[in-house]
Protein backbone atom coordinates (compact mmCIF):
# COMPACT_ATOMS: atom_id res chain seq x y z
CA MET A 1 19.04 -16.61 20.64
CA ASP A 2 18.38 -15.71 17.07
CA GLU A 3 15.24 -14.54 15.31
CA HIS A 4 14.62 -17.31 13.18
CA LYS A 5 14.18 -19.36 16.21
CA GLU A 6 12.54 -17.06 18.06
CA LEU A 7 9.66 -16.32 15.86
CA ASP A 8 9.55 -20.12 14.79
CA ASP A 9 8.66 -20.71 18.41
CA ILE A 10 6.33 -17.94 18.75
CA ALA A 11 4.11 -18.92 15.49
CA ARG A 12 4.56 -22.57 15.51
CA PRO A 13 2.20 -23.19 17.78
CA LEU A 14 -0.15 -20.53 16.32
CA GLY A 15 -0.53 -22.52 13.15
CA THR A 16 -1.84 -25.29 14.79
CA ARG A 17 -4.85 -22.84 16.58
CA VAL A 18 -5.10 -21.71 13.00
CA GLN A 19 -5.92 -24.74 11.35
CA ARG A 20 -7.99 -25.57 14.47
CA ALA A 21 -9.76 -22.67 14.93
CA GLY A 22 -9.32 -20.27 11.88
CA LEU A 23 -6.98 -17.04 11.83
CA ARG A 24 -9.55 -15.34 13.53
CA SER A 25 -8.61 -17.10 16.66
CA LEU A 26 -5.78 -15.17 17.01
CA SER A 27 -5.06 -11.38 18.63
CA GLU A 28 -3.35 -9.07 16.07
CA PRO A 29 0.07 -9.30 17.18
CA GLU A 30 -0.40 -13.24 16.86
CA ARG A 31 -1.90 -12.96 13.70
CA VAL A 32 0.80 -10.73 12.31
CA ALA A 33 3.47 -13.12 13.82
CA TYR A 34 1.87 -16.33 12.32
CA LEU A 35 1.55 -14.51 8.77
CA VAL A 36 5.08 -13.24 8.24
CA TRP A 37 6.33 -16.54 9.75
CA ALA A 38 4.17 -18.25 7.27
CA PHE A 39 5.03 -15.82 4.36
CA ALA A 40 8.60 -15.70 4.71
CA PRO A 41 10.08 -19.33 4.37
CA GLU A 42 7.88 -19.63 1.27
CA LEU A 43 10.00 -17.06 -0.15
CA ASP A 44 13.31 -18.26 1.45
CA ASN A 45 12.75 -21.82 -0.01
CA GLY A 46 10.99 -21.60 -3.32
CA GLY A 47 10.14 -17.98 -4.58
CA ALA A 48 7.03 -15.77 -4.28
CA ASP A 49 4.93 -18.04 -6.47
CA THR A 50 5.64 -21.02 -3.67
CA PHE A 51 3.49 -18.95 -1.15
CA PHE A 52 0.61 -18.99 -3.02
CA TYR A 53 1.07 -22.95 -4.09
CA ASN A 54 1.07 -23.50 -0.51
CA GLU A 55 -1.52 -23.43 2.16
CA SER A 56 -0.37 -20.00 3.70
CA GLY A 57 -1.31 -18.39 0.22
CA ARG A 58 -4.98 -18.25 1.34
CA PHE A 59 -4.09 -15.75 3.59
CA ALA A 60 -2.46 -13.26 1.19
CA GLU A 61 -4.73 -10.65 1.63
CA GLN A 62 -4.24 -10.52 5.52
CA THR A 63 -0.47 -10.87 5.06
CA VAL A 64 -0.50 -7.56 3.07
CA ASP A 65 -1.99 -6.15 6.56
CA ALA A 66 0.68 -7.99 8.37
CA LEU A 67 3.82 -6.63 6.32
CA GLN A 68 2.18 -2.89 6.65
CA SER A 69 2.04 -3.81 10.73
CA ILE A 70 5.82 -4.20 10.39
CA ALA A 71 6.56 -1.37 8.28
CA ALA A 72 7.08 -3.19 5.57
CA ARG A 73 5.21 -1.09 2.96
CA ASP A 74 7.43 -2.38 -0.04
CA LEU A 75 6.44 -6.05 0.36
CA ALA A 76 2.85 -5.40 1.05
CA GLU A 77 2.86 -3.22 -2.04
CA ALA A 78 4.59 -5.94 -3.95
CA LEU A 79 2.43 -8.60 -2.78
CA GLU A 80 -0.50 -6.36 -3.30
CA ALA A 81 0.44 -5.94 -7.11
CA VAL A 82 0.40 -10.05 -7.31
CA ILE A 83 -3.00 -10.16 -5.76
CA GLU A 84 -4.50 -7.86 -8.13
CA CYS A 85 -3.24 -10.10 -10.98
CA PHE A 86 -5.50 -13.20 -9.57
CA PRO A 87 -9.43 -13.08 -11.19
CA ASP A 88 -11.25 -10.41 -9.55
CA GLY A 89 -7.90 -9.19 -7.70
CA GLU A 90 -8.83 -11.98 -5.28
CA VAL A 91 -6.74 -15.17 -4.04
CA PRO A 92 -8.97 -18.32 -3.82
CA ALA A 93 -9.03 -19.80 -0.37
CA ASP A 94 -9.11 -23.30 -2.16
CA GLN A 95 -5.76 -24.33 -2.87
CA ASP A 96 -6.81 -26.01 -5.80
CA GLU A 97 -8.55 -22.97 -7.25
CA ARG A 98 -5.60 -21.26 -6.19
CA THR A 99 -3.49 -23.22 -8.22
CA GLU A 100 -5.76 -23.16 -11.15
CA ALA A 101 -5.68 -19.52 -11.14
CA LEU A 102 -2.01 -19.36 -10.81
CA GLU A 103 -1.59 -21.38 -13.77
CA ASP A 104 -3.97 -19.59 -16.00
CA ALA A 105 -2.21 -16.31 -15.14
CA ALA A 106 1.17 -17.55 -15.29
CA ARG A 107 2.51 -15.06 -17.95
CA ASP A 108 1.02 -11.80 -16.09
CA LEU A 109 2.31 -12.78 -12.74
CA GLU A 110 5.71 -13.53 -13.97
CA ASP A 111 6.75 -9.85 -13.77
CA VAL A 112 5.15 -8.72 -10.39
CA LEU A 113 6.12 -12.44 -8.71
CA ASP A 114 9.73 -11.27 -9.38
CA GLU A 115 9.34 -8.18 -8.08
CA LEU A 116 8.20 -9.68 -4.97
CA ARG A 117 11.01 -11.80 -4.69
CA GLU A 118 13.33 -8.80 -5.37
CA ALA A 119 11.37 -6.69 -2.73
CA TYR A 120 11.80 -9.37 -0.14
CA GLU A 121 15.73 -9.82 -0.97
CA GLU A 122 16.20 -6.18 -0.56
CA ARG A 123 14.65 -5.85 2.50
CA GLY A 124 16.41 -8.78 3.88
CA PRO A 125 14.64 -12.06 5.54
CA ASP A 126 16.73 -11.09 8.84
CA ARG A 127 15.23 -7.72 8.84
CA VAL A 128 11.64 -8.65 7.76
CA ARG A 129 11.99 -11.15 11.21
CA LYS A 130 13.16 -8.75 13.18
CA ALA A 131 10.64 -6.51 12.58
CA THR A 132 7.91 -8.95 13.05
CA LEU A 133 9.59 -9.91 16.84
CA ARG A 134 10.17 -6.24 17.56
CA PHE A 135 6.31 -5.60 16.68
CA TYR A 136 4.92 -8.70 18.48
CA GLN A 137 7.19 -7.96 21.53
CA ALA A 138 5.96 -4.13 21.49
CA GLN A 139 2.16 -5.48 21.18
CA THR A 140 2.40 -7.99 23.59
CA GLY A 141 4.94 -6.74 26.10
CA THR A 142 7.19 -9.49 26.09
CA ALA A 143 10.64 -9.26 26.16
CA PRO A 144 13.19 -10.64 23.95
CA ALA A 145 14.41 -14.00 24.82
CA GLU A 146 17.86 -14.31 26.28
CA GLU A 147 20.70 -15.78 24.31
């Protein structure tokens, strides 16, 4: 089974739980899997700013921790640099407020968003997903899915 599908199979149901009961309803390995799963496709499909424009952007600070958990420190640091450009260094949880903050700081964010995208591409989307799966499997004691 490929990493995309395997991570999707783990994280998609977690997204439903997050919508119903919040991020705190997840265990640490579930939280890491969900946050990286929500982060990676945004960068794949629309760029670094897309992550912040969409719902997953409300978990930016927690995503930094998740990236550190899978040993993607370069990505975590690049994401932190973007977060620091928001007013008071905090990403608004409200999507409308987050969008307004992004638009207000557009010039300041351009370079750090590019750096985040470059760090992601340099690390490689597949490596990010594999590291997330390894972390999840190690923490939960689950075996990789068979092909």
